[in-house]
Protein backbone atom coordinates (compact mmCIF):
# COMPACT_ATOMS: atom_id res chain seq x y z
CA MET A 1 -30.80 -18.66 -1.48
CA LYS A 2 -28.23 -21.40 -1.94
CA LEU A 3 -26.76 -22.44 -5.31
CA LEU A 4 -26.83 -26.22 -5.73
CA GLU A 5 -25.64 -26.64 -9.31
CA LYS A 6 -24.71 -24.44 -12.25
CA SER A 7 -23.81 -25.10 -15.85
CA GLU A 8 -20.92 -22.63 -15.80
CA ASP A 9 -19.34 -19.81 -13.83
CA PHE A 10 -21.89 -17.06 -14.27
CA THR A 11 -21.31 -13.43 -13.38
CA ALA A 12 -22.96 -12.09 -10.23
CA LYS A 13 -25.46 -10.20 -12.41
CA GLN A 14 -26.38 -13.37 -14.33
CA ILE A 15 -26.90 -15.25 -11.04
CA TYR A 16 -29.14 -12.41 -9.88
CA GLU A 17 -31.10 -12.48 -13.15
CA MET A 18 -31.70 -16.22 -12.77
CA THR A 19 -32.53 -16.29 -9.07
CA GLN A 20 -33.94 -12.94 -7.93
CA ASP A 21 -34.93 -10.81 -10.93
CA LYS A 22 -38.63 -9.97 -11.29
CA ASN A 23 -38.41 -10.72 -15.04
CA VAL A 24 -37.99 -14.47 -14.45
CA ILE A 25 -40.88 -16.29 -16.12
CA SER A 26 -42.53 -19.17 -14.30
CA VAL A 27 -42.62 -22.21 -16.60
CA LYS A 28 -46.27 -22.77 -15.70
CA ASP A 29 -47.05 -19.35 -17.30
CA VAL A 30 -45.16 -20.10 -20.53
CA PRO A 31 -47.52 -21.00 -23.40
CA THR A 32 -47.50 -24.68 -24.40
CA GLY A 33 -45.15 -25.31 -27.31
CA SER A 34 -42.94 -22.29 -26.61
CA ILE A 35 -39.23 -22.80 -27.23
CA ILE A 36 -36.26 -21.44 -25.34
CA HIS A 37 -32.78 -21.68 -26.84
CA ALA A 38 -31.20 -22.64 -23.51
CA THR A 39 -27.60 -21.56 -22.98
CA GLY A 40 -27.22 -22.12 -19.23
CA TYR A 41 -28.93 -23.03 -16.00
CA VAL A 42 -28.69 -22.93 -12.24
CA MET A 43 -30.35 -25.14 -9.67
CA PHE A 44 -30.84 -23.38 -6.37
CA GLU A 45 -32.63 -23.75 -3.08
CA ASP A 46 -34.91 -21.02 -1.80
CA THR A 47 -37.70 -20.88 0.74
CA ASP A 48 -41.39 -20.83 -0.08
CA THR A 49 -43.93 -18.53 1.56
CA ASP A 50 -44.19 -20.95 4.52
CA GLY A 51 -40.42 -20.97 5.02
CA ASN A 52 -39.91 -24.47 3.62
CA PRO A 53 -36.90 -25.16 1.38
CA THR A 54 -37.71 -25.47 -2.33
CA GLU A 55 -35.42 -26.55 -5.17
CA ILE A 56 -35.77 -24.34 -8.25
CA LEU A 57 -34.36 -24.73 -11.76
CA ALA A 58 -33.69 -21.51 -13.68
CA VAL A 59 -32.90 -21.83 -17.40
CA ARG A 60 -31.28 -18.91 -19.21
CA GLY A 61 -31.53 -18.51 -22.97
CA CYS A 62 -33.23 -16.73 -25.84
CA ASP A 63 -36.85 -16.92 -26.86
CA GLU A 64 -38.17 -17.28 -30.41
CA ASN A 65 -37.60 -13.53 -30.95
CA GLY A 66 -33.95 -13.66 -29.82
CA GLU A 67 -34.67 -11.90 -26.52
CA VAL A 68 -32.76 -13.10 -23.43
CA VAL A 69 -35.20 -14.81 -21.05
CA VAL A 70 -35.10 -16.91 -17.91
CA TRP A 71 -37.61 -19.68 -17.26
CA ALA A 72 -37.86 -21.06 -13.73
CA CYS A 73 -39.78 -23.90 -12.14
CA GLN A 74 -40.11 -26.25 -9.20
CA SER A 75 -41.64 -29.08 -11.26
CA LYS A 76 -39.84 -32.37 -10.68
CA THR A 77 -40.99 -33.60 -14.10
CA PHE A 78 -39.65 -30.56 -15.96
CA LYS A 79 -36.37 -30.61 -14.00
CA ARG A 80 -35.87 -34.34 -14.65
CA SER A 81 -36.55 -34.01 -18.40
CA PHE A 82 -34.34 -30.93 -18.70
CA LYS A 83 -31.46 -32.62 -16.87
CA GLU A 84 -31.76 -35.71 -19.10
CA ILE A 85 -31.52 -33.51 -22.20
CA VAL A 86 -28.47 -31.68 -20.82
CA ASP A 87 -26.80 -34.96 -19.78
CA ILE A 88 -27.33 -36.55 -23.22
CA ASN A 89 -25.83 -33.49 -24.88
CA THR A 90 -22.91 -33.44 -22.44
CA ASP A 91 -22.22 -37.14 -23.09
CA ALA A 92 -22.19 -36.35 -26.83
CA GLY A 93 -19.66 -33.56 -26.31
CA THR A 94 -22.06 -30.62 -26.58
CA HIS A 95 -22.16 -28.11 -23.72
CA ILE A 96 -25.38 -26.25 -22.97
CA SER A 97 -23.55 -22.96 -23.58
CA ASP A 98 -23.52 -24.01 -27.27
CA GLY A 99 -27.33 -23.82 -27.10
CA ILE A 100 -30.03 -26.47 -26.79
CA ASP A 101 -33.61 -25.83 -27.92
CA ILE A 102 -36.11 -26.81 -25.22
CA GLN A 103 -39.86 -26.89 -25.82
CA LYS A 104 -42.34 -26.44 -22.97
CA LEU A 105 -45.05 -29.08 -22.69
CA ASP A 106 -48.14 -29.41 -20.52
CA GLY A 107 -49.82 -32.58 -19.42
CA GLU A 108 -52.32 -34.04 -17.04
CA SER A 109 -51.59 -36.79 -14.54
CA LYS A 110 -53.77 -39.90 -14.24
CA ALA A 111 -55.25 -38.24 -11.17
CA GLY A 112 -56.26 -35.24 -13.31
CA ARG A 113 -53.64 -32.79 -12.02
CA PRO A 114 -51.90 -30.52 -14.54
CA TYR A 115 -48.11 -30.65 -14.80
CA VAL A 116 -45.36 -29.08 -16.89
CA ASP A 117 -42.64 -30.92 -18.79
CA CYS A 118 -40.19 -30.23 -21.60
CA ARG A 119 -38.67 -31.93 -24.61
CA TRP A 120 -35.62 -31.45 -26.80
CA ALA A 121 -36.96 -29.43 -29.72
């Protein structure tokens, strides 16, 4: 596992929770419309089951019940949308550690394949 980008200097335990912990929730398994109050993220590279490198985004925050959760995904669409939201907030002087509400979306490509995305909630 290789860290590529992080929103802040996380503790070793927080890095573990976002990259290795079994409680990480795959974005594809998150119900459509769910919201995470994101307070940080890491982008890291790991290997898939075939040994190929894979870039993963892990978002740390609180769910609608106030519980700390981590969502993770490989989706280029979700990662691009998330990064755009973070960049807009950063440009406006708001850091993700202040909290940004992100809503999970699902869609279907023109070819009929399902994909995940997100929006600023």
